[in-house]
Each structure stands twice: as C-alpha cells, then as structure tokens.
Amino acid sequence: MAVHIRLRRHGKTKQPTYRLVVADSRAPRNGKFIENIGHYDPRREPVELVVNVERARHWFKSGAKPTETARDLLVKAGIPESEVPPVVR
C-alpha cells in the first residue's frame, strides 16, 4: 500500500482550511485517511501552521511520501529539508 502525506480541504466556500493527513494513495482528497498530523490555515494573519513533527518523522520512516505542497509546509514547520523525502508527483 502506497501512503502519501497530503492536504485535506475543510471550511466553507472560499474560506479554506486544510488538515495535513497521512492517507492511502488510492483514497480521494477529502476521503478516508489514516492519521491527522497537523493543520494549516492560510487565511489567518500570520498564517497558522501546526505539525506533529514526531509523527511526520515516523511516517517518513514507514515509507510515506509527501505531495509537493505538503513537503513545502513540512519544511516550513521546522523539519530539515534533508529529512523530508522527495515529492510524489
């Protein structure tokens, strides 16, 4: 089973917030997920980004690959770029 770390959209129309989740690659964007490891709110000032770094590292070791946007957010959250695996697509 291929596991990805990606964003899951929440919020009202034109007022998005996102959750950083670990999900099976075959699951839809807002569908079933394995674990929630953080959240991201781009509409706040300053931007709100909360990530459980320990759980993210655990999933990296288990073979999870982040999407491009998720990788950028993980690096901004304080995980060194060398620790974050390359992007999926």
PDB file of N, CA and C in Angstrom:
ATOM      1  N   MET A   1       0.851  -1.186   0.000  1.00  0.00           N
ATOM      2  CA  MET A   1       0.000   0.000   0.000  1.00  0.00           C
ATOM      3  C   MET A   1       0.892   1.242   0.000  1.00  0.00           C
ATOM      4  N   ALA A   2       0.695   2.125  -0.959  1.00  0.00           N
ATOM      5  CA  ALA A   2       1.439   3.380  -1.031  1.00  0.00           C
ATOM      6  C   ALA A   2       0.753   4.414  -0.137  1.00  0.00           C
ATOM      7  N   VAL A   3       1.539   5.039   0.712  1.00  0.00           N
ATOM      8  CA  VAL A   3       0.999   6.019   1.660  1.00  0.00           C
ATOM      9  C   VAL A   3       1.572   7.392   1.323  1.00  0.00           C
ATOM     10  N   HIS A   4       0.691   8.397   1.295  1.00  0.00           N
ATOM     11  CA  HIS A   4       1.095   9.769   0.994  1.00  0.00           C
ATOM     12  C   HIS A   4       0.731  10.692   2.148  1.00  0.00           C
ATOM     13  N   ILE A   5       1.508  11.743   2.298  1.00  0.00           N
ATOM     14  CA  ILE A   5       1.175  12.820   3.224  1.00  0.00           C
ATOM     15  C   ILE A   5       0.676  13.957   2.348  1.00  0.00           C
ATOM     16  N   ARG A   6      -0.558  14.391   2.577  1.00  0.00           N
ATOM     17  CA  ARG A   6      -1.162  15.395   1.711  1.00  0.00           C
ATOM     18  C   ARG A   6      -2.143  16.268   2.482  1.00  0.00           C
ATOM     19  N   LEU A   7      -2.655  17.296   1.799  1.00  0.00           N
ATOM     20  CA  LEU A   7      -3.613  18.209   2.406  1.00  0.00           C
ATOM     21  C   LEU A   7      -5.036  17.732   2.171  1.00  0.00           C
ATOM     22  N   ARG A   8      -5.873  17.923   3.177  1.00  0.00           N
ATOM     23  CA  ARG A   8      -7.294  17.612   3.084  1.00  0.00           C
ATOM     24  C   ARG A   8      -8.038  18.918   3.333  1.00  0.00           C
ATOM     25  N   ARG A   9      -8.884  19.327   2.392  1.00  0.00           N
ATOM     26  CA  ARG A   9      -9.546  20.626   2.466  1.00  0.00           C
ATOM     27  C   ARG A   9     -10.759  20.592   3.383  1.00  0.00           C
ATOM     28  N   HIS A  10     -10.884  21.640   4.200  1.00  0.00           N
ATOM     29  CA  HIS A  10     -12.034  21.852   5.076  1.00  0.00           C
ATOM     30  C   HIS A  10     -12.455  23.306   4.957  1.00  0.00           C
ATOM     31  N   GLY A  11     -13.578  23.641   5.544  1.00  0.00           N
ATOM     32  CA  GLY A  11     -14.026  25.023   5.559  1.00  0.00           C
ATOM     33  C   GLY A  11     -15.142  25.281   4.573  1.00  0.00           C
ATOM     34  N   LYS A  12     -15.655  26.491   4.660  1.00  0.00           N
ATOM     35  CA  LYS A  12     -16.750  26.888   3.784  1.00  0.00           C
ATOM     36  C   LYS A  12     -16.223  27.296   2.407  1.00  0.00           C
ATOM     37  N   THR A  13     -17.149  27.544   1.502  1.00  0.00           N
ATOM     38  CA  THR A  13     -16.799  28.003   0.164  1.00  0.00           C
ATOM     39  C   THR A  13     -15.976  29.290   0.252  1.00  0.00           C
ATOM     40  N   LYS A  14     -14.863  29.307  -0.417  1.00  0.00           N
ATOM     41  CA  LYS A  14     -13.935  30.438  -0.460  1.00  0.00           C
ATOM     42  C   LYS A  14     -13.326  30.795   0.896  1.00  0.00           C
ATOM     43  N   GLN A  15     -13.421  29.879   1.858  1.00  0.00           N
ATOM     44  CA  GLN A  15     -12.793  30.060   3.171  1.00  0.00           C
ATOM     45  C   GLN A  15     -12.099  28.762   3.579  1.00  0.00           C
ATOM     46  N   PRO A  16     -11.073  28.352   2.828  1.00  0.00           N
ATOM     47  CA  PRO A  16     -10.478  27.042   3.078  1.00  0.00           C
ATOM     48  C   PRO A  16      -9.560  26.998   4.296  1.00  0.00           C
ATOM     49  N   THR A  17      -9.569  25.871   4.954  1.00  0.00           N
ATOM     50  CA  THR A  17      -8.549  25.484   5.912  1.00  0.00           C
ATOM     51  C   THR A  17      -8.163  24.070   5.515  1.00  0.00           C
ATOM     52  N   TYR A  18      -6.995  23.643   5.902  1.00  0.00           N
ATOM     53  CA  TYR A  18      -6.504  22.343   5.471  1.00  0.00           C
ATOM     54  C   TYR A  18      -5.996  21.548   6.661  1.00  0.00           C
ATOM     55  N   ARG A  19      -6.105  20.235   6.541  1.00  0.00           N
ATOM     56  CA  ARG A  19      -5.502  19.325   7.510  1.00  0.00           C
ATOM     57  C   ARG A  19      -4.416  18.550   6.793  1.00  0.00           C
ATOM     58  N   LEU A  20      -3.301  18.362   7.451  1.00  0.00           N
ATOM     59  CA  LEU A  20      -2.203  17.578   6.915  1.00  0.00           C
ATOM     60  C   LEU A  20      -2.435  16.144   7.365  1.00  0.00           C
ATOM     61  N   VAL A  21      -2.712  15.255   6.418  1.00  0.00           N
ATOM     62  CA  VAL A  21      -3.080  13.882   6.772  1.00  0.00           C
ATOM     63  C   VAL A  21      -2.179  12.875   6.067  1.00  0.00           C
ATOM     64  N   VAL A  22      -2.126  11.681   6.668  1.00  0.00           N
ATOM     65  CA  VAL A  22      -1.468  10.533   6.068  1.00  0.00           C
ATOM     66  C   VAL A  22      -2.590   9.669   5.519  1.00  0.00           C
ATOM     67  N   ALA A  23      -2.554   9.387   4.206  1.00  0.00           N
ATOM     68  CA  ALA A  23      -3.648   8.659   3.569  1.00  0.00           C
ATOM     69  C   ALA A  23      -3.119   7.670   2.539  1.00  0.00           C
ATOM     70  N   ASP A  24      -3.924   6.659   2.269  1.00  0.00           N
ATOM     71  CA  ASP A  24      -3.642   5.717   1.194  1.00  0.00           C
ATOM     72  C   ASP A  24      -3.691   6.506  -0.118  1.00  0.00           C
ATOM     73  N   SER A  25      -2.791   6.225  -1.026  1.00  0.00           N
ATOM     74  CA  SER A  25      -2.718   6.982  -2.270  1.00  0.00           C
ATOM     75  C   SER A  25      -3.957   6.818  -3.143  1.00  0.00           C
ATOM     76  N   ARG A  26      -4.714   5.737  -2.933  1.00  0.00           N
ATOM     77  CA  ARG A  26      -5.905   5.491  -3.741  1.00  0.00           C
ATOM     78  C   ARG A  26      -7.145   6.200  -3.207  1.00  0.00           C
ATOM     79  N   ALA A  27      -7.084   6.720  -1.984  1.00  0.00           N
ATOM     80  CA  ALA A  27      -8.233   7.395  -1.376  1.00  0.00           C
ATOM     81  C   ALA A  27      -8.421   8.781  -1.990  1.00  0.00           C
ATOM     82  N   PRO A  28      -9.686   9.265  -2.094  1.00  0.00           N
ATOM     83  CA  PRO A  28      -9.913  10.607  -2.622  1.00  0.00           C
ATOM     84  C   PRO A  28      -9.365  11.684  -1.679  1.00  0.00           C
ATOM     85  N   ARG A  29      -9.224  12.902  -2.210  1.00  0.00           N
ATOM     86  CA  ARG A  29      -8.619  14.005  -1.448  1.00  0.00           C
ATOM     87  C   ARG A  29      -9.250  14.216  -0.079  1.00  0.00           C
ATOM     88  N   ASN A  30     -10.572  14.272  -0.023  1.00  0.00           N
ATOM     89  CA  ASN A  30     -11.259  14.503   1.248  1.00  0.00           C
ATOM     90  C   ASN A  30     -11.859  13.223   1.815  1.00  0.00           C
ATOM     91  N   GLY A  31     -11.378  12.081   1.359  1.00  0.00           N
ATOM     92  CA  GLY A  31     -11.917  10.799   1.795  1.00  0.00           C
ATOM     93  C   GLY A  31     -11.205  10.252   3.020  1.00  0.00           C
ATOM     94  N   LYS A  32     -11.200   8.937   3.087  1.00  0.00           N
ATOM     95  CA  LYS A  32     -10.638   8.217   4.225  1.00  0.00           C
ATOM     96  C   LYS A  32      -9.143   8.507   4.372  1.00  0.00           C
ATOM     97  N   PHE A  33      -8.701   8.653   5.617  1.00  0.00           N
ATOM     98  CA  PHE A  33      -7.284   8.869   5.881  1.00  0.00           C
ATOM     99  C   PHE A  33      -6.854   8.027   7.073  1.00  0.00           C
ATOM    100  N   ILE A  34      -5.550   7.861   7.237  1.00  0.00           N
ATOM    101  CA  ILE A  34      -5.007   7.017   8.307  1.00  0.00           C
ATOM    102  C   ILE A  34      -4.803   7.825   9.583  1.00  0.00           C
ATOM    103  N   GLU A  35      -4.166   8.988   9.460  1.00  0.00           N
ATOM    104  CA  GLU A  35      -3.862   9.804  10.636  1.00  0.00           C
ATOM    105  C   GLU A  35      -3.776  11.278  10.269  1.00  0.00           C
ATOM    106  N   ASN A  36      -4.242  12.120  11.172  1.00  0.00           N
ATOM    107  CA  ASN A  36      -4.145  13.573  11.026  1.00  0.00           C
ATOM    108  C   ASN A  36      -2.878  14.009  11.766  1.00  0.00           C
ATOM    109  N   ILE A  37      -1.933  14.645  11.057  1.00  0.00           N
ATOM    110  CA  ILE A  37      -0.680  15.035  11.713  1.00  0.00           C
ATOM    111  C   ILE A  37      -0.492  16.546  11.827  1.00  0.00           C
ATOM    112  N   GLY A  38      -1.501  17.324  11.437  1.00  0.00           N
ATOM    113  CA  GLY A  38      -1.387  18.768  11.582  1.00  0.00           C
ATOM    114  C   GLY A  38      -2.486  19.509  10.854  1.00  0.00           C
ATOM    115  N   HIS A  39      -2.425  20.843  10.945  1.00  0.00           N
ATOM    116  CA  HIS A  39      -3.387  21.663  10.209  1.00  0.00           C
ATOM    117  C   HIS A  39      -2.720  22.952   9.733  1.00  0.00           C
ATOM    118  N   TYR A  40      -3.355  23.570   8.724  1.00  0.00           N
ATOM    119  CA  TYR A  40      -2.811  24.744   8.059  1.00  0.00           C
ATOM    120  C   TYR A  40      -3.964  25.677   7.725  1.00  0.00           C
ATOM    121  N   ASP A  41      -3.859  26.940   8.161  1.00  0.00           N
ATOM    122  CA  ASP A  41      -4.884  27.938   7.866  1.00  0.00           C
ATOM    123  C   ASP A  41      -4.219  29.122   7.171  1.00  0.00           C
ATOM    124  N   PRO A  42      -4.304  29.186   5.835  1.00  0.00           N
ATOM    125  CA  PRO A  42      -3.629  30.255   5.098  1.00  0.00           C
ATOM    126  C   PRO A  42      -4.322  31.613   5.206  1.00  0.00           C
ATOM    127  N   ARG A  43      -5.534  31.658   5.744  1.00  0.00           N
ATOM    128  CA  ARG A  43      -6.298  32.909   5.800  1.00  0.00           C
ATOM    129  C   ARG A  43      -5.994  33.726   7.056  1.00  0.00           C
ATOM    130  N   ARG A  44      -5.378  33.142   8.032  1.00  0.00           N
ATOM    131  CA  ARG A  44      -5.049  33.884   9.261  1.00  0.00           C
ATOM    132  C   ARG A  44      -3.831  34.756   9.024  1.00  0.00           C
ATOM    133  N   GLU A  45      -3.706  35.760   9.867  1.00  0.00           N
ATOM    134  CA  GLU A  45      -2.541  36.635   9.802  1.00  0.00           C
ATOM    135  C   GLU A  45      -1.884  36.656  11.166  1.00  0.00           C
ATOM    136  N   PRO A  46      -0.725  36.083  11.392  1.00  0.00           N
ATOM    137  CA  PRO A  46       0.099  35.333  10.453  1.00  0.00           C
ATOM    138  C   PRO A  46      -0.497  33.952  10.156  1.00  0.00           C
ATOM    139  N   VAL A  47      -0.019  33.330   9.104  1.00  0.00           N
ATOM    140  CA  VAL A  47      -0.518  32.020   8.680  1.00  0.00           C
ATOM    141  C   VAL A  47      -0.314  31.011   9.807  1.00  0.00           C
ATOM    142  N   GLU A  48      -1.342  30.215  10.077  1.00  0.00           N
ATOM    143  CA  GLU A  48      -1.279  29.217  11.152  1.00  0.00           C
ATOM    144  C   GLU A  48      -0.882  27.865  10.569  1.00  0.00           C
ATOM    145  N   LEU A  49       0.233  27.319  11.070  1.00  0.00           N
ATOM    146  CA  LEU A  49       0.715  26.013  10.636  1.00  0.00           C
ATOM    147  C   LEU A  49       1.142  25.234  11.869  1.00  0.00           C
ATOM    148  N   VAL A  50       0.471  24.119  12.133  1.00  0.00           N
ATOM    149  CA  VAL A  50       0.788  23.263  13.275  1.00  0.00           C
ATOM    150  C   VAL A  50       1.019  21.862  12.743  1.00  0.00           C
ATOM    151  N   VAL A  51       2.198  21.283  13.050  1.00  0.00           N
ATOM    152  CA  VAL A  51       2.533  19.940  12.580  1.00  0.00           C
ATOM    153  C   VAL A  51       3.121  19.144  13.737  1.00  0.00           C
ATOM    154  N   ASN A  52       2.670  17.899  13.888  1.00  0.00           N
ATOM    155  CA  ASN A  52       3.252  16.980  14.862  1.00  0.00           C
ATOM    156  C   ASN A  52       4.491  16.379  14.189  1.00  0.00           C
ATOM    157  N   VAL A  53       5.644  16.962  14.472  1.00  0.00           N
ATOM    158  CA  VAL A  53       6.895  16.605  13.798  1.00  0.00           C
ATOM    159  C   VAL A  53       7.290  15.164  14.081  1.00  0.00           C
ATOM    160  N   GLU A  54       7.077  14.688  15.303  1.00  0.00           N
ATOM    161  CA  GLU A  54       7.443  13.308  15.643  1.00  0.00           C
ATOM    162  C   GLU A  54       6.668  12.308  14.800  1.00  0.00           C
ATOM    163  N   ARG A  55       5.361  12.535  14.641  1.00  0.00           N
ATOM    164  CA  ARG A  55       4.540  11.621  13.844  1.00  0.00           C
ATOM    165  C   ARG A  55       4.907  11.709  12.363  1.00  0.00           C
ATOM    166  N   ALA A  56       5.253  12.897  11.879  1.00  0.00           N
ATOM    167  CA  ALA A  56       5.677  13.042  10.483  1.00  0.00           C
ATOM    168  C   ALA A  56       6.957  12.237  10.242  1.00  0.00           C
ATOM    169  N   ARG A  57       7.912  12.325  11.156  1.00  0.00           N
ATOM    170  CA  ARG A  57       9.155  11.557  11.017  1.00  0.00           C
ATOM    171  C   ARG A  57       8.875  10.054  11.063  1.00  0.00           C
ATOM    172  N   HIS A  58       7.944   9.643  11.925  1.00  0.00           N
ATOM    173  CA  HIS A  58       7.563   8.230  11.992  1.00  0.00           C
ATOM    174  C   HIS A  58       7.058   7.751  10.631  1.00  0.00           C
ATOM    175  N   TRP A  59       6.211   8.542   9.994  1.00  0.00           N
ATOM    176  CA  TRP A  59       5.651   8.149   8.703  1.00  0.00           C
ATOM    177  C   TRP A  59       6.696   8.181   7.599  1.00  0.00           C
ATOM    178  N   PHE A  60       7.678   9.086   7.684  1.00  0.00           N
ATOM    179  CA  PHE A  60       8.768   9.083   6.708  1.00  0.00           C
ATOM    180  C   PHE A  60       9.517   7.756   6.778  1.00  0.00           C
ATOM    181  N   LYS A  61       9.788   7.306   8.008  1.00  0.00           N
ATOM    182  CA  LYS A  61      10.497   6.041   8.200  1.00  0.00           C
ATOM    183  C   LYS A  61       9.671   4.852   7.720  1.00  0.00           C
ATOM    184  N   SER A  62       8.355   4.992   7.753  1.00  0.00           N
ATOM    185  CA  SER A  62       7.467   3.920   7.294  1.00  0.00           C
ATOM    186  C   SER A  62       7.263   3.936   5.781  1.00  0.00           C
ATOM    187  N   GLY A  63       7.814   4.923   5.103  1.00  0.00           N
ATOM    188  CA  GLY A  63       7.754   4.961   3.654  1.00  0.00           C
ATOM    189  C   GLY A  63       6.768   5.944   3.054  1.00  0.00           C
ATOM    190  N   ALA A  64       6.152   6.802   3.860  1.00  0.00           N
ATOM    191  CA  ALA A  64       5.193   7.777   3.333  1.00  0.00           C
ATOM    192  C   ALA A  64       5.921   8.860   2.539  1.00  0.00           C
ATOM    193  N   LYS A  65       5.330   9.248   1.416  1.00  0.00           N
ATOM    194  CA  LYS A  65       5.888  10.295   0.560  1.00  0.00           C
ATOM    195  C   LYS A  65       4.953  11.498   0.561  1.00  0.00           C
ATOM    196  N   PRO A  66       5.476  12.711   0.765  1.00  0.00           N
ATOM    197  CA  PRO A  66       4.612  13.901   0.757  1.00  0.00           C
ATOM    198  C   PRO A  66       4.348  14.412  -0.662  1.00  0.00           C
ATOM    199  N   THR A  67       3.221  15.118  -0.826  1.00  0.00           N
ATOM    200  CA  THR A  67       2.978  15.835  -2.071  1.00  0.00           C
ATOM    201  C   THR A  67       3.850  17.089  -2.047  1.00  0.00           C
ATOM    202  N   GLU A  68       3.899  17.796  -3.148  1.00  0.00           N
ATOM    203  CA  GLU A  68       4.766  18.971  -3.245  1.00  0.00           C
ATOM    204  C   GLU A  68       4.402  20.041  -2.212  1.00  0.00           C
ATOM    205  N   THR A  69       3.119  20.358  -2.099  1.00  0.00           N
ATOM    206  CA  THR A  69       2.676  21.376  -1.147  1.00  0.00           C
ATOM    207  C   THR A  69       2.902  20.911   0.285  1.00  0.00           C
ATOM    208  N   ALA A  70       2.607  19.655   0.560  1.00  0.00           N
ATOM    209  CA  ALA A  70       2.812  19.123   1.912  1.00  0.00           C
ATOM    210  C   ALA A  70       4.290  19.159   2.284  1.00  0.00           C
ATOM    211  N   ARG A  71       5.164  18.866   1.334  1.00  0.00           N
ATOM    212  CA  ARG A  71       6.606  18.904   1.600  1.00  0.00           C
ATOM    213  C   ARG A  71       7.046  20.318   1.952  1.00  0.00           C
ATOM    214  N   ASP A  72       6.578  21.306   1.212  1.00  0.00           N
ATOM    215  CA  ASP A  72       6.916  22.699   1.500  1.00  0.00           C
ATOM    216  C   ASP A  72       6.463  23.090   2.905  1.00  0.00           C
ATOM    217  N   LEU A  73       5.261  22.673   3.285  1.00  0.00           N
ATOM    218  CA  LEU A  73       4.743  23.000   4.616  1.00  0.00           C
ATOM    219  C   LEU A  73       5.529  22.291   5.715  1.00  0.00           C
ATOM    220  N   LEU A  74       5.931  21.052   5.484  1.00  0.00           N
ATOM    221  CA  LEU A  74       6.717  20.321   6.481  1.00  0.00           C
ATOM    222  C   LEU A  74       8.069  20.992   6.700  1.00  0.00           C
ATOM    223  N   VAL A  75       8.672  21.489   5.635  1.00  0.00           N
ATOM    224  CA  VAL A  75       9.951  22.200   5.762  1.00  0.00           C
ATOM    225  C   VAL A  75       9.751  23.509   6.527  1.00  0.00           C
ATOM    226  N   LYS A  76       8.653  24.228   6.238  1.00  0.00           N
ATOM    227  CA  LYS A  76       8.352  25.468   6.959  1.00  0.00           C
ATOM    228  C   LYS A  76       8.054  25.206   8.432  1.00  0.00           C
ATOM    229  N   ALA A  77       7.571  24.009   8.753  1.00  0.00           N
ATOM    230  CA  ALA A  77       7.246  23.656  10.132  1.00  0.00           C
ATOM    231  C   ALA A  77       8.492  23.355  10.959  1.00  0.00           C
ATOM    232  N   GLY A  78       9.647  23.257  10.307  1.00  0.00           N
ATOM    233  CA  GLY A  78      10.882  23.082  11.058  1.00  0.00           C
ATOM    234  C   GLY A  78      11.589  21.759  10.836  1.00  0.00           C
ATOM    235  N   ILE A  79      11.081  20.902   9.984  1.00  0.00           N
ATOM    236  CA  ILE A  79      11.772  19.656   9.674  1.00  0.00           C
ATOM    237  C   ILE A  79      12.848  19.972   8.636  1.00  0.00           C
ATOM    238  N   PRO A  80      14.105  19.586   8.901  1.00  0.00           N
ATOM    239  CA  PRO A  80      15.163  19.885   7.922  1.00  0.00           C
ATOM    240  C   PRO A  80      14.849  19.287   6.550  1.00  0.00           C
ATOM    241  N   GLU A  81      15.192  20.028   5.513  1.00  0.00           N
ATOM    242  CA  GLU A  81      14.873  19.612   4.145  1.00  0.00           C
ATOM    243  C   GLU A  81      15.499  18.267   3.795  1.00  0.00           C
ATOM    244  N   SER A  82      16.646  17.960   4.404  1.00  0.00           N
ATOM    245  CA  SER A  82      17.314  16.685   4.116  1.00  0.00           C
ATOM    246  C   SER A  82      16.541  15.482   4.683  1.00  0.00           C
ATOM    247  N   GLU A  83      15.715  15.695   5.716  1.00  0.00           N
ATOM    248  CA  GLU A  83      14.941  14.608   6.323  1.00  0.00           C
ATOM    249  C   GLU A  83      13.645  14.311   5.587  1.00  0.00           C
ATOM    250  N   VAL A  84      13.108  15.307   4.873  1.00  0.00           N
ATOM    251  CA  VAL A  84      11.833  15.128   4.193  1.00  0.00           C
ATOM    252  C   VAL A  84      12.063  14.433   2.862  1.00  0.00           C
ATOM    253  N   PRO A  85      11.373  13.311   2.594  1.00  0.00           N
ATOM    254  CA  PRO A  85      11.577  12.592   1.335  1.00  0.00           C
ATOM    255  C   PRO A  85      11.179  13.425   0.112  1.00  0.00           C
ATOM    256  N   PRO A  86      11.645  13.022  -1.073  1.00  0.00           N
ATOM    257  CA  PRO A  86      11.250  13.743  -2.291  1.00  0.00           C
ATOM    258  C   PRO A  86       9.744  13.605  -2.540  1.00  0.00           C
ATOM    259  N   VAL A  87       9.215  14.517  -3.355  1.00  0.00           N
ATOM    260  CA  VAL A  87       7.778  14.565  -3.602  1.00  0.00           C
ATOM    261  C   VAL A  87       7.284  13.380  -4.415  1.00  0.00           C
ATOM    262  N   VAL A  88       5.974  13.143  -4.339  1.00  0.00           N
ATOM    263  CA  VAL A  88       5.340  12.026  -5.014  1.00  0.00           C
ATOM    264  C   VAL A  88       5.228  12.271  -6.500  1.00  0.00           C
ATOM    265  N   ARG A  89       4.669  13.393  -6.893  1.00  0.00           N
ATOM    266  CA  ARG A  89       4.387  13.652  -8.313  1.00  0.00           C
ATOM    267  C   ARG A  89       5.231  14.774  -8.834  1.00  0.00           C
TER     268      ARG A  89
END
